[in-house]
Amino acid sequence: MSNSWPVVLTTSDLRLQALRFRDKSAWNTVRAQNRDWLAPWEATIQSVPGEDAPNLRQLPSYFEMVRTLNSEARAGRSYSFAIWHQRNLVGQISLGGVILGAMRGAHIGYWIDKNYANRGFTTQAVMAMADYSFDALKLHRVEINLRPENAASRRVAEKSGFIFEGERPRYLHIDGSWRDHITFVKENPAVK
């Protein structure tokens, strides 16, 4: 398995690949249809005293986002994949915060279209991402950090073979406040 970018990962039901410019309409549609469904779980940007708040909160355009995601992947810092089921864009999964050296770790984040939830697709995507992390990138450990009340995400982590490691109080700014998270970890058995 190669770690050159772009990479396509497949499972029995899914294709994971980098977002492309031509995916803009599908991405915008699924994000708009899932705005309320995703809001309680999505990162928000905290205002920092002394920083220009309006610029801080302005999101990049779709094209800027795709360029940045691909640039980060080519640099080996993070890898983001659109999740496709047949011809439908059903979510997105990212391996972020890639650290090499003594740690050799990263963290996984994901979202799924509400119409495709509870069908095992997120678990398949997480397992494919963990395999890519271990086989192609030779990482030692991968984390999933999730809010304690997100039972569906906890099931995904557990079904994907991630082990509960602990709590992280006020870990990420989510839905307008600093939220507690719980951490699940999977280690690469081939990296000693």
C-alpha atoms as a PDB file:
ATOM      1  CA  MET A   1       0.000   0.000   0.000  1.00  0.00           C
ATOM      2  CA  SER A   2       1.419   3.390  -1.005  1.00  0.00           C
ATOM      3  CA  ASN A   3       1.306   6.586   1.013  1.00  0.00           C
ATOM      4  CA  SER A   4       1.596   8.846  -2.055  1.00  0.00           C
ATOM      5  CA  TRP A   5      -1.372  11.168  -2.574  1.00  0.00           C
ATOM      6  CA  PRO A   6      -4.065  10.860  -3.776  1.00  0.00           C
ATOM      7  CA  VAL A   7      -4.960   7.440  -2.439  1.00  0.00           C
ATOM      8  CA  VAL A   8      -8.197   5.490  -2.854  1.00  0.00           C
ATOM      9  CA  LEU A   9      -9.254   3.069  -0.114  1.00  0.00           C
ATOM     10  CA  THR A  10     -12.040   0.536  -0.589  1.00  0.00           C
ATOM     11  CA  THR A  11     -14.154  -1.664   1.656  1.00  0.00           C
ATOM     12  CA  SER A  12     -16.910  -4.115   0.779  1.00  0.00           C
ATOM     13  CA  ASP A  13     -19.412  -1.231   0.476  1.00  0.00           C
ATOM     14  CA  LEU A  14     -17.399   1.985   0.276  1.00  0.00           C
ATOM     15  CA  ARG A  15     -14.849   3.968  -1.674  1.00  0.00           C
ATOM     16  CA  LEU A  16     -12.769   6.503   0.249  1.00  0.00           C
ATOM     17  CA  GLN A  17     -11.014   9.088  -1.860  1.00  0.00           C
ATOM     18  CA  ALA A  18      -9.839  12.681  -1.749  1.00  0.00           C
ATOM     19  CA  LEU A  19     -12.493  15.308  -2.352  1.00  0.00           C
ATOM     20  CA  ARG A  20     -12.307  16.666  -5.896  1.00  0.00           C
ATOM     21  CA  PHE A  21     -13.417  19.997  -7.297  1.00  0.00           C
ATOM     22  CA  ARG A  22     -16.184  18.206  -9.204  1.00  0.00           C
ATOM     23  CA  ASP A  23     -17.602  16.889  -5.893  1.00  0.00           C
ATOM     24  CA  LYS A  24     -18.625  20.400  -4.813  1.00  0.00           C
ATOM     25  CA  SER A  25     -22.333  20.037  -5.547  1.00  0.00           C
ATOM     26  CA  ALA A  26     -22.615  16.649  -3.821  1.00  0.00           C
ATOM     27  CA  TRP A  27     -20.620  17.872  -0.793  1.00  0.00           C
ATOM     28  CA  ASN A  28     -22.634  21.087  -0.441  1.00  0.00           C
ATOM     29  CA  THR A  29     -25.920  19.170  -0.746  1.00  0.00           C
ATOM     30  CA  VAL A  30     -25.114  16.507   1.851  1.00  0.00           C
ATOM     31  CA  ARG A  31     -23.672  19.093   4.255  1.00  0.00           C
ATOM     32  CA  ALA A  32     -26.754  21.315   3.933  1.00  0.00           C
ATOM     33  CA  GLN A  33     -29.128  18.372   4.430  1.00  0.00           C
ATOM     34  CA  ASN A  34     -27.193  17.305   7.553  1.00  0.00           C
ATOM     35  CA  ARG A  35     -26.509  20.701   9.152  1.00  0.00           C
ATOM     36  CA  ASP A  36     -28.748  20.105  12.207  1.00  0.00           C
ATOM     37  CA  TRP A  37     -27.754  16.434  12.477  1.00  0.00           C
ATOM     38  CA  LEU A  38     -24.026  17.291  12.635  1.00  0.00           C
ATOM     39  CA  ALA A  39     -24.108  20.555  14.642  1.00  0.00           C
ATOM     40  CA  PRO A  40     -23.878  18.961  18.127  1.00  0.00           C
ATOM     41  CA  TRP A  41     -20.673  17.118  17.168  1.00  0.00           C
ATOM     42  CA  GLU A  42     -18.769  19.535  14.956  1.00  0.00           C
ATOM     43  CA  ALA A  43     -15.823  21.672  15.956  1.00  0.00           C
ATOM     44  CA  THR A  44     -16.371  25.393  16.285  1.00  0.00           C
ATOM     45  CA  ILE A  45     -13.812  28.167  16.491  1.00  0.00           C
ATOM     46  CA  GLN A  46     -13.462  29.893  19.831  1.00  0.00           C
ATOM     47  CA  SER A  47     -12.968  33.666  19.749  1.00  0.00           C
ATOM     48  CA  VAL A  48      -9.567  34.642  21.082  1.00  0.00           C
ATOM     49  CA  PRO A  49      -9.203  38.064  22.719  1.00  0.00           C
ATOM     50  CA  GLY A  50      -7.220  40.372  20.458  1.00  0.00           C
ATOM     51  CA  GLU A  51      -7.904  38.403  17.274  1.00  0.00           C
ATOM     52  CA  ASP A  52     -10.154  39.618  14.494  1.00  0.00           C
ATOM     53  CA  ALA A  53     -13.268  37.518  15.217  1.00  0.00           C
ATOM     54  CA  PRO A  54     -15.106  38.018  11.880  1.00  0.00           C
ATOM     55  CA  ASN A  55     -12.116  36.770   9.849  1.00  0.00           C
ATOM     56  CA  LEU A  56     -11.514  33.962  12.307  1.00  0.00           C
ATOM     57  CA  ARG A  57     -15.022  32.598  11.749  1.00  0.00           C
ATOM     58  CA  GLN A  58     -15.074  32.816   7.946  1.00  0.00           C
ATOM     59  CA  LEU A  59     -14.827  29.367   6.453  1.00  0.00           C
ATOM     60  CA  PRO A  60     -12.763  28.747   3.335  1.00  0.00           C
ATOM     61  CA  SER A  61     -14.507  28.235   0.029  1.00  0.00           C
ATOM     62  CA  TYR A  62     -15.015  24.641  -1.079  1.00  0.00           C
ATOM     63  CA  PHE A  63     -12.141  25.008  -3.563  1.00  0.00           C
ATOM     64  CA  GLU A  64      -9.808  26.437  -0.900  1.00  0.00           C
ATOM     65  CA  MET A  65     -10.762  23.587   1.413  1.00  0.00           C
ATOM     66  CA  VAL A  66      -9.981  20.942  -1.243  1.00  0.00           C
ATOM     67  CA  ARG A  67      -6.653  22.584  -2.098  1.00  0.00           C
ATOM     68  CA  THR A  68      -5.703  22.753   1.591  1.00  0.00           C
ATOM     69  CA  LEU A  69      -6.735  19.152   2.284  1.00  0.00           C
ATOM     70  CA  ASN A  70      -4.676  17.899  -0.656  1.00  0.00           C
ATOM     71  CA  SER A  71      -1.685  20.061   0.276  1.00  0.00           C
ATOM     72  CA  GLU A  72      -1.790  18.733   3.846  1.00  0.00           C
ATOM     73  CA  ALA A  73      -1.958  15.138   2.565  1.00  0.00           C
ATOM     74  CA  ARG A  74       0.974  15.626   0.196  1.00  0.00           C
ATOM     75  CA  ALA A  75       2.947  17.077   3.141  1.00  0.00           C
ATOM     76  CA  GLY A  76       2.024  14.043   5.283  1.00  0.00           C
ATOM     77  CA  ARG A  77       0.302  16.089   8.016  1.00  0.00           C
ATOM     78  CA  SER A  78      -3.315  14.954   7.532  1.00  0.00           C
ATOM     79  CA  TYR A  79      -5.351  12.834   5.139  1.00  0.00           C
ATOM     80  CA  SER A  80      -9.000  13.508   4.368  1.00  0.00           C
ATOM     81  CA  PHE A  81     -11.270  11.217   2.380  1.00  0.00           C
ATOM     82  CA  ALA A  82     -14.794  11.590   1.068  1.00  0.00           C
ATOM     83  CA  ILE A  83     -16.832   8.467   1.855  1.00  0.00           C
ATOM     84  CA  TRP A  84     -18.779   7.198  -1.167  1.00  0.00           C
ATOM     85  CA  HIS A  85     -21.417   4.473  -1.202  1.00  0.00           C
ATOM     86  CA  GLN A  86     -22.010   3.628  -4.843  1.00  0.00           C
ATOM     87  CA  ARG A  87     -22.521   7.082  -6.418  1.00  0.00           C
ATOM     88  CA  ASN A  88     -23.564   8.803  -3.201  1.00  0.00           C
ATOM     89  CA  LEU A  89     -21.312  10.974  -1.061  1.00  0.00           C
ATOM     90  CA  VAL A  90     -22.241   9.782   2.430  1.00  0.00           C
ATOM     91  CA  GLY A  91     -19.612  11.314   4.686  1.00  0.00           C
ATOM     92  CA  GLN A  92     -16.035  12.261   5.275  1.00  0.00           C
ATOM     93  CA  ILE A  93     -13.197  10.831   7.361  1.00  0.00           C
ATOM     94  CA  SER A  94      -9.861  12.384   8.222  1.00  0.00           C
ATOM     95  CA  LEU A  95      -6.627  11.282   9.790  1.00  0.00           C
ATOM     96  CA  GLY A  96      -5.263  14.435  11.366  1.00  0.00           C
ATOM     97  CA  GLY A  97      -2.419  15.565  13.557  1.00  0.00           C
ATOM     98  CA  VAL A  98      -0.005  13.055  12.042  1.00  0.00           C
ATOM     99  CA  ILE A  99       3.154  13.020  14.136  1.00  0.00           C
ATOM    100  CA  LEU A 100       6.168  10.932  13.236  1.00  0.00           C
ATOM    101  CA  GLY A 101       9.369  10.527  15.236  1.00  0.00           C
ATOM    102  CA  ALA A 102       9.067   9.072  18.720  1.00  0.00           C
ATOM    103  CA  MET A 103       5.263   9.194  18.787  1.00  0.00           C
ATOM    104  CA  ARG A 104       4.171   8.035  15.311  1.00  0.00           C
ATOM    105  CA  GLY A 105       0.513   8.766  15.940  1.00  0.00           C
ATOM    106  CA  ALA A 106      -2.572  10.583  14.682  1.00  0.00           C
ATOM    107  CA  HIS A 107      -6.278  10.970  15.350  1.00  0.00           C
ATOM    108  CA  ILE A 108      -9.348  10.082  13.295  1.00  0.00           C
ATOM    109  CA  GLY A 109     -12.406  12.281  12.878  1.00  0.00           C
ATOM    110  CA  TYR A 110     -15.486  11.574  10.774  1.00  0.00           C
ATOM    111  CA  TRP A 111     -19.070  12.450   9.957  1.00  0.00           C
ATOM    112  CA  ILE A 112     -21.800  10.491   8.208  1.00  0.00           C
ATOM    113  CA  ASP A 113     -24.990  11.484   6.387  1.00  0.00           C
ATOM    114  CA  LYS A 114     -27.986  10.781   8.669  1.00  0.00           C
ATOM    115  CA  ASN A 115     -29.548   8.733   5.844  1.00  0.00           C
ATOM    116  CA  TYR A 116     -26.595   6.325   5.967  1.00  0.00           C
ATOM    117  CA  ALA A 117     -26.103   6.130   9.740  1.00  0.00           C
ATOM    118  CA  ASN A 118     -26.449   2.805  11.568  1.00  0.00           C
ATOM    119  CA  ARG A 119     -25.572   0.772   8.482  1.00  0.00           C
ATOM    120  CA  GLY A 120     -21.970  -0.050   9.402  1.00  0.00           C
ATOM    121  CA  PHE A 121     -20.494   2.402   6.892  1.00  0.00           C
ATOM    122  CA  THR A 122     -18.737   4.572   9.483  1.00  0.00           C
ATOM    123  CA  THR A 123     -17.191   1.500  11.089  1.00  0.00           C
ATOM    124  CA  GLN A 124     -15.968   0.288   7.679  1.00  0.00           C
ATOM    125  CA  ALA A 125     -14.445   3.713   6.979  1.00  0.00           C
ATOM    126  CA  VAL A 126     -12.725   3.862  10.390  1.00  0.00           C
ATOM    127  CA  MET A 127     -11.304   0.359   9.952  1.00  0.00           C
ATOM    128  CA  ALA A 128     -10.010   1.261   6.468  1.00  0.00           C
ATOM    129  CA  MET A 129      -8.431   4.436   7.849  1.00  0.00           C
ATOM    130  CA  ALA A 130      -6.776   2.533  10.704  1.00  0.00           C
ATOM    131  CA  ASP A 131      -5.415  -0.041   8.234  1.00  0.00           C
ATOM    132  CA  TYR A 132      -4.056   2.755   6.023  1.00  0.00           C
ATOM    133  CA  SER A 133      -2.492   4.406   9.077  1.00  0.00           C
ATOM    134  CA  PHE A 134      -0.745   1.221  10.109  1.00  0.00           C
ATOM    135  CA  ASP A 135       0.098  -0.392   6.757  1.00  0.00           C
ATOM    136  CA  ALA A 136       1.013   2.576   4.570  1.00  0.00           C
ATOM    137  CA  LEU A 137       2.057   5.222   7.100  1.00  0.00           C
ATOM    138  CA  LYS A 138       3.508   2.804   9.676  1.00  0.00           C
ATOM    139  CA  LEU A 139       1.975   4.732  12.564  1.00  0.00           C
ATOM    140  CA  HIS A 140       2.196   3.265  16.062  1.00  0.00           C
ATOM    141  CA  ARG A 141      -1.109   4.541  17.486  1.00  0.00           C
ATOM    142  CA  VAL A 142      -4.314   6.167  16.300  1.00  0.00           C
ATOM    143  CA  GLU A 143      -6.866   7.904  18.518  1.00  0.00           C
ATOM    144  CA  ILE A 144     -10.551   8.672  18.227  1.00  0.00           C
ATOM    145  CA  ASN A 145     -11.716  11.436  20.560  1.00  0.00           C
ATOM    146  CA  LEU A 146     -15.472  11.719  20.973  1.00  0.00           C
ATOM    147  CA  ARG A 147     -18.019  13.327  23.223  1.00  0.00           C
ATOM    148  CA  PRO A 148     -19.199  10.972  26.003  1.00  0.00           C
ATOM    149  CA  GLU A 149     -22.860  11.426  25.025  1.00  0.00           C
ATOM    150  CA  ASN A 150     -22.218  10.355  21.424  1.00  0.00           C
ATOM    151  CA  ALA A 151     -23.219   6.703  21.849  1.00  0.00           C
ATOM    152  CA  ALA A 152     -23.193   5.985  18.100  1.00  0.00           C
ATOM    153  CA  SER A 153     -19.621   7.200  17.733  1.00  0.00           C
ATOM    154  CA  ARG A 154     -18.561   5.190  20.771  1.00  0.00           C
ATOM    155  CA  ARG A 155     -20.021   2.042  19.149  1.00  0.00           C
ATOM    156  CA  VAL A 156     -18.043   2.804  15.975  1.00  0.00           C
ATOM    157  CA  ALA A 157     -14.793   3.098  17.952  1.00  0.00           C
ATOM    158  CA  GLU A 158     -15.432  -0.107  19.880  1.00  0.00           C
ATOM    159  CA  LYS A 159     -16.546  -2.137  16.818  1.00  0.00           C
ATOM    160  CA  SER A 160     -13.411  -0.919  15.016  1.00  0.00           C
ATOM    161  CA  GLY A 161     -11.181  -2.382  17.726  1.00  0.00           C
ATOM    162  CA  PHE A 162     -10.310   0.861  19.529  1.00  0.00           C
ATOM    163  CA  ILE A 163      -9.853   0.586  23.300  1.00  0.00           C
ATOM    164  CA  PHE A 164     -11.087   3.162  25.818  1.00  0.00           C
ATOM    165  CA  GLU A 165      -8.076   5.037  27.190  1.00  0.00           C
ATOM    166  CA  GLY A 166      -9.463   7.879  29.275  1.00  0.00           C
ATOM    167  CA  GLU A 167     -11.156  11.221  29.596  1.00  0.00           C
ATOM    168  CA  ARG A 168     -10.102  14.621  28.292  1.00  0.00           C
ATOM    169  CA  PRO A 169     -11.971  17.414  30.089  1.00  0.00           C
ATOM    170  CA  ARG A 170     -12.761  20.500  27.984  1.00  0.00           C
ATOM    171  CA  TYR A 171     -10.774  18.968  25.124  1.00  0.00           C
ATOM    172  CA  LEU A 172     -12.276  20.530  21.982  1.00  0.00           C
ATOM    173  CA  HIS A 173     -14.451  23.504  21.159  1.00  0.00           C
ATOM    174  CA  ILE A 174     -17.635  21.876  19.843  1.00  0.00           C
ATOM    175  CA  ASP A 175     -21.006  23.461  19.162  1.00  0.00           C
ATOM    176  CA  GLY A 176     -19.993  26.716  20.856  1.00  0.00           C
ATOM    177  CA  SER A 177     -18.334  25.478  24.088  1.00  0.00           C
ATOM    178  CA  TRP A 178     -15.304  23.579  25.345  1.00  0.00           C
ATOM    179  CA  ARG A 179     -16.550  19.991  25.573  1.00  0.00           C
ATOM    180  CA  ASP A 180     -15.319  16.945  27.452  1.00  0.00           C
ATOM    181  CA  HIS A 181     -14.207  14.012  25.318  1.00  0.00           C
ATOM    182  CA  ILE A 182     -13.323  10.388  25.839  1.00  0.00           C
ATOM    183  CA  THR A 183     -10.392   8.825  24.020  1.00  0.00           C
ATOM    184  CA  PHE A 184     -10.219   5.473  22.274  1.00  0.00           C
ATOM    185  CA  VAL A 185      -6.911   4.134  20.970  1.00  0.00           C
ATOM    186  CA  LYS A 186      -5.771   1.450  18.587  1.00  0.00           C
ATOM    187  CA  GLU A 187      -2.119   0.446  18.340  1.00  0.00           C
ATOM    188  CA  ASN A 188      -0.326  -1.043  15.383  1.00  0.00           C
ATOM    189  CA  PRO A 189       0.696  -4.589  16.315  1.00  0.00           C
ATOM    190  CA  ALA A 190       3.392  -4.575  13.620  1.00  0.00           C
ATOM    191  CA  VAL A 191       5.240  -1.557  15.046  1.00  0.00           C
ATOM    192  CA  LYS A 192       7.335  -2.525  18.055  1.00  0.00           C
END
